Amino acid sequence: GHNGNQIRCYNCRGVGHFARDCTVRPRRRDAAYLQTQLLIAQKEEARIQL
């Protein structure tokens, strides 16, 4: 079923908010920053699952 706690933002890959509510502004030149945010999100996600 649909789990409202697992909504995912496709803008910053964050969990818990929609892209329209995302405070992270996508920047074309900031690929490294976006990669870092993605890694942080994955680590937090793994921590929650554990």
PDB file of N, CA and C in Angstrom:
ATOM      1  N   GLY A   1       0.813  -1.212   0.000  1.00  0.00           N
ATOM      2  CA  GLY A   1       0.000   0.000   0.000  1.00  0.00           C
ATOM      3  C   GLY A   1       0.842   1.256   0.000  1.00  0.00           C
ATOM      4  N   HIS A   2       0.188   2.402  -0.016  1.00  0.00           N
ATOM      5  CA  HIS A   2       0.899   3.679  -0.033  1.00  0.00           C
ATOM      6  C   HIS A   2       1.321   4.050   1.378  1.00  0.00           C
ATOM      7  N   ASN A   3       2.598   4.323   1.546  1.00  0.00           N
ATOM      8  CA  ASN A   3       3.114   4.723   2.853  1.00  0.00           C
ATOM      9  C   ASN A   3       3.467   6.200   2.820  1.00  0.00           C
ATOM     10  N   GLY A   4       2.707   7.013   3.516  1.00  0.00           N
ATOM     11  CA  GLY A   4       2.920   8.457   3.487  1.00  0.00           C
ATOM     12  C   GLY A   4       4.230   8.894   4.099  1.00  0.00           C
ATOM     13  N   ASN A   5       4.841   8.016   4.891  1.00  0.00           N
ATOM     14  CA  ASN A   5       6.099   8.370   5.535  1.00  0.00           C
ATOM     15  C   ASN A   5       7.283   8.181   4.602  1.00  0.00           C
ATOM     16  N   GLN A   6       7.057   7.555   3.456  1.00  0.00           N
ATOM     17  CA  GLN A   6       8.163   7.245   2.563  1.00  0.00           C
ATOM     18  C   GLN A   6       8.085   8.037   1.258  1.00  0.00           C
ATOM     19  N   ILE A   7       7.453   9.212   1.302  1.00  0.00           N
ATOM     20  CA  ILE A   7       7.440  10.036   0.097  1.00  0.00           C
ATOM     21  C   ILE A   7       8.864  10.477  -0.213  1.00  0.00           C
ATOM     22  N   ARG A   8       9.200  10.480  -1.488  1.00  0.00           N
ATOM     23  CA  ARG A   8      10.577  10.788  -1.871  1.00  0.00           C
ATOM     24  C   ARG A   8      10.605  11.988  -2.815  1.00  0.00           C
ATOM     25  N   CYS A   9      11.539  12.885  -2.551  1.00  0.00           N
ATOM     26  CA  CYS A   9      11.724  14.061  -3.399  1.00  0.00           C
ATOM     27  C   CYS A   9      12.620  13.690  -4.568  1.00  0.00           C
ATOM     28  N   TYR A  10      12.118  13.835  -5.780  1.00  0.00           N
ATOM     29  CA  TYR A  10      12.928  13.479  -6.947  1.00  0.00           C
ATOM     30  C   TYR A  10      13.870  14.612  -7.332  1.00  0.00           C
ATOM     31  N   ASN A  11      13.800  15.719  -6.611  1.00  0.00           N
ATOM     32  CA  ASN A  11      14.691  16.842  -6.889  1.00  0.00           C
ATOM     33  C   ASN A  11      16.039  16.635  -6.206  1.00  0.00           C
ATOM     34  N   CYS A  12      16.014  16.320  -4.915  1.00  0.00           N
ATOM     35  CA  CYS A  12      17.265  16.161  -4.166  1.00  0.00           C
ATOM     36  C   CYS A  12      17.416  14.741  -3.642  1.00  0.00           C
ATOM     37  N   ARG A  13      16.492  13.856  -4.004  1.00  0.00           N
ATOM     38  CA  ARG A  13      16.507  12.452  -3.566  1.00  0.00           C
ATOM     39  C   ARG A  13      16.298  12.318  -2.066  1.00  0.00           C
ATOM     40  N   GLY A  14      15.754  13.363  -1.466  1.00  0.00           N
ATOM     41  CA  GLY A  14      15.500  13.296  -0.035  1.00  0.00           C
ATOM     42  C   GLY A  14      14.201  12.553   0.251  1.00  0.00           C
ATOM     43  N   VAL A  15      14.008  12.170   1.497  1.00  0.00           N
ATOM     44  CA  VAL A  15      12.806  11.459   1.907  1.00  0.00           C
ATOM     45  C   VAL A  15      12.023  12.312   2.893  1.00  0.00           C
ATOM     46  N   GLY A  16      10.728  12.343   2.751  1.00  0.00           N
ATOM     47  CA  GLY A  16       9.880  13.035   3.712  1.00  0.00           C
ATOM     48  C   GLY A  16       9.285  14.323   3.180  1.00  0.00           C
ATOM     49  N   HIS A  17       9.604  14.669   1.948  1.00  0.00           N
ATOM     50  CA  HIS A  17       9.000  15.871   1.359  1.00  0.00           C
ATOM     51  C   HIS A  17       8.935  15.716  -0.148  1.00  0.00           C
ATOM     52  N   PHE A  18       8.022  16.457  -0.765  1.00  0.00           N
ATOM     53  CA  PHE A  18       7.889  16.430  -2.212  1.00  0.00           C
ATOM     54  C   PHE A  18       8.828  17.446  -2.847  1.00  0.00           C
ATOM     55  N   ALA A  19       9.067  17.285  -4.132  1.00  0.00           N
ATOM     56  CA  ALA A  19       9.983  18.178  -4.839  1.00  0.00           C
ATOM     57  C   ALA A  19       9.490  19.620  -4.764  1.00  0.00           C
ATOM     58  N   ARG A  20       8.160  19.810  -4.760  1.00  0.00           N
ATOM     59  CA  ARG A  20       7.638  21.177  -4.723  1.00  0.00           C
ATOM     60  C   ARG A  20       7.927  21.844  -3.387  1.00  0.00           C
ATOM     61  N   ASP A  21       8.197  21.032  -2.367  1.00  0.00           N
ATOM     62  CA  ASP A  21       8.516  21.572  -1.046  1.00  0.00           C
ATOM     63  C   ASP A  21      10.010  21.560  -0.766  1.00  0.00           C
ATOM     64  N   CYS A  22      10.781  21.149  -1.780  1.00  0.00           N
ATOM     65  CA  CYS A  22      12.216  20.993  -1.575  1.00  0.00           C
ATOM     66  C   CYS A  22      12.899  22.345  -1.481  1.00  0.00           C
ATOM     67  N   THR A  23      13.839  22.465  -0.537  1.00  0.00           N
ATOM     68  CA  THR A  23      14.566  23.721  -0.353  1.00  0.00           C
ATOM     69  C   THR A  23      15.905  23.687  -1.070  1.00  0.00           C
ATOM     70  N   VAL A  24      16.255  22.525  -1.635  1.00  0.00           N
ATOM     71  CA  VAL A  24      17.518  22.407  -2.361  1.00  0.00           C
ATOM     72  C   VAL A  24      17.288  22.826  -3.808  1.00  0.00           C
ATOM     73  N   ARG A  25      17.994  23.860  -4.218  1.00  0.00           N
ATOM     74  CA  ARG A  25      17.836  24.321  -5.598  1.00  0.00           C
ATOM     75  C   ARG A  25      18.843  23.606  -6.496  1.00  0.00           C
ATOM     76  N   PRO A  26      18.366  22.935  -7.534  1.00  0.00           N
ATOM     77  CA  PRO A  26      19.282  22.218  -8.426  1.00  0.00           C
ATOM     78  C   PRO A  26      20.178  23.179  -9.188  1.00  0.00           C
ATOM     79  N   ARG A  27      21.461  22.894  -9.194  1.00  0.00           N
ATOM     80  CA  ARG A  27      22.409  23.737  -9.924  1.00  0.00           C
ATOM     81  C   ARG A  27      23.189  22.864 -10.888  1.00  0.00           C
ATOM     82  N   ARG A  28      23.290  23.320 -12.129  1.00  0.00           N
ATOM     83  CA  ARG A  28      23.964  22.506 -13.139  1.00  0.00           C
ATOM     84  C   ARG A  28      25.445  22.330 -12.821  1.00  0.00           C
ATOM     85  N   ARG A  29      26.063  23.369 -12.251  1.00  0.00           N
ATOM     86  CA  ARG A  29      27.505  23.322 -12.023  1.00  0.00           C
ATOM     87  C   ARG A  29      27.862  22.598 -10.727  1.00  0.00           C
ATOM     88  N   ASP A  30      26.853  22.380  -9.869  1.00  0.00           N
ATOM     89  CA  ASP A  30      27.139  21.818  -8.554  1.00  0.00           C
ATOM     90  C   ASP A  30      26.893  20.316  -8.512  1.00  0.00           C
ATOM     91  N   ALA A  31      27.427  19.606  -9.479  1.00  0.00           N
ATOM     92  CA  ALA A  31      27.239  18.158  -9.536  1.00  0.00           C
ATOM     93  C   ALA A  31      27.838  17.489  -8.303  1.00  0.00           C
ATOM     94  N   ALA A  32      28.998  17.968  -7.870  1.00  0.00           N
ATOM     95  CA  ALA A  32      29.655  17.376  -6.702  1.00  0.00           C
ATOM     96  C   ALA A  32      28.797  17.571  -5.455  1.00  0.00           C
ATOM     97  N   TYR A  33      28.195  18.749  -5.325  1.00  0.00           N
ATOM     98  CA  TYR A  33      27.341  19.023  -4.172  1.00  0.00           C
ATOM     99  C   TYR A  33      26.129  18.097  -4.172  1.00  0.00           C
ATOM    100  N   LEU A  34      25.528  17.934  -5.355  1.00  0.00           N
ATOM    101  CA  LEU A  34      24.361  17.072  -5.453  1.00  0.00           C
ATOM    102  C   LEU A  34      24.740  15.628  -5.146  1.00  0.00           C
ATOM    103  N   GLN A  35      25.915  15.193  -5.594  1.00  0.00           N
ATOM    104  CA  GLN A  35      26.384  13.839  -5.292  1.00  0.00           C
ATOM    105  C   GLN A  35      26.548  13.661  -3.789  1.00  0.00           C
ATOM    106  N   THR A  36      27.100  14.690  -3.132  1.00  0.00           N
ATOM    107  CA  THR A  36      27.291  14.617  -1.684  1.00  0.00           C
ATOM    108  C   THR A  36      25.943  14.512  -0.976  1.00  0.00           C
ATOM    109  N   GLN A  37      24.979  15.323  -1.399  1.00  0.00           N
ATOM    110  CA  GLN A  37      23.657  15.277  -0.789  1.00  0.00           C
ATOM    111  C   GLN A  37      23.025  13.905  -0.993  1.00  0.00           C
ATOM    112  N   LEU A  38      23.252  13.321  -2.175  1.00  0.00           N
ATOM    113  CA  LEU A  38      22.698  12.006  -2.469  1.00  0.00           C
ATOM    114  C   LEU A  38      23.299  10.965  -1.535  1.00  0.00           C
ATOM    115  N   LEU A  39      24.618  11.035  -1.334  1.00  0.00           N
ATOM    116  CA  LEU A  39      25.285  10.086  -0.442  1.00  0.00           C
ATOM    117  C   LEU A  39      24.788  10.246   0.988  1.00  0.00           C
ATOM    118  N   ILE A  40      24.610  11.495   1.422  1.00  0.00           N
ATOM    119  CA  ILE A  40      24.112  11.749   2.772  1.00  0.00           C
ATOM    120  C   ILE A  40      22.709  11.166   2.929  1.00  0.00           C
ATOM    121  N   ALA A  41      21.878  11.361   1.926  1.00  0.00           N
ATOM    122  CA  ALA A  41      20.513  10.846   1.977  1.00  0.00           C
ATOM    123  C   ALA A  41      20.520   9.323   2.049  1.00  0.00           C
ATOM    124  N   GLN A  42      21.412   8.698   1.287  1.00  0.00           N
ATOM    125  CA  GLN A  42      21.492   7.238   1.298  1.00  0.00           C
ATOM    126  C   GLN A  42      21.959   6.731   2.658  1.00  0.00           C
ATOM    127  N   LYS A  43      22.926   7.428   3.264  1.00  0.00           N
ATOM    128  CA  LYS A  43      23.425   7.011   4.575  1.00  0.00           C
ATOM    129  C   LYS A  43      22.328   7.138   5.626  1.00  0.00           C
ATOM    130  N   GLU A  44      21.581   8.239   5.587  1.00  0.00           N
ATOM    131  CA  GLU A  44      20.503   8.430   6.553  1.00  0.00           C
ATOM    132  C   GLU A  44      19.420   7.380   6.347  1.00  0.00           C
ATOM    133  N   GLU A  45      19.166   7.054   5.072  1.00  0.00           N
ATOM    134  CA  GLU A  45      18.155   6.059   4.754  1.00  0.00           C
ATOM    135  C   GLU A  45      18.567   4.698   5.312  1.00  0.00           C
ATOM    136  N   ALA A  46      19.846   4.347   5.125  1.00  0.00           N
ATOM    137  CA  ALA A  46      20.354   3.068   5.622  1.00  0.00           C
ATOM    138  C   ALA A  46      20.294   3.028   7.149  1.00  0.00           C
ATOM    139  N   ARG A  47      20.583   4.161   7.781  1.00  0.00           N
ATOM    140  CA  ARG A  47      20.550   4.231   9.242  1.00  0.00           C
ATOM    141  C   ARG A  47      19.126   4.013   9.753  1.00  0.00           C
ATOM    142  N   ILE A  48      18.155   4.561   9.045  1.00  0.00           N
ATOM    143  CA  ILE A  48      16.759   4.401   9.452  1.00  0.00           C
ATOM    144  C   ILE A  48      16.333   2.937   9.311  1.00  0.00           C
ATOM    145  N   GLN A  49      16.767   2.288   8.239  1.00  0.00           N
ATOM    146  CA  GLN A  49      16.407   0.892   8.001  1.00  0.00           C
ATOM    147  C   GLN A  49      17.054  -0.020   9.036  1.00  0.00           C
ATOM    148  N   LEU A  50      18.246   0.351   9.512  1.00  0.00           N
ATOM    149  CA  LEU A  50      18.911  -0.433  10.547  1.00  0.00           C
ATOM    150  C   LEU A  50      18.378   0.001  11.909  1.00  0.00           C
TER     151      LEU A  50
END
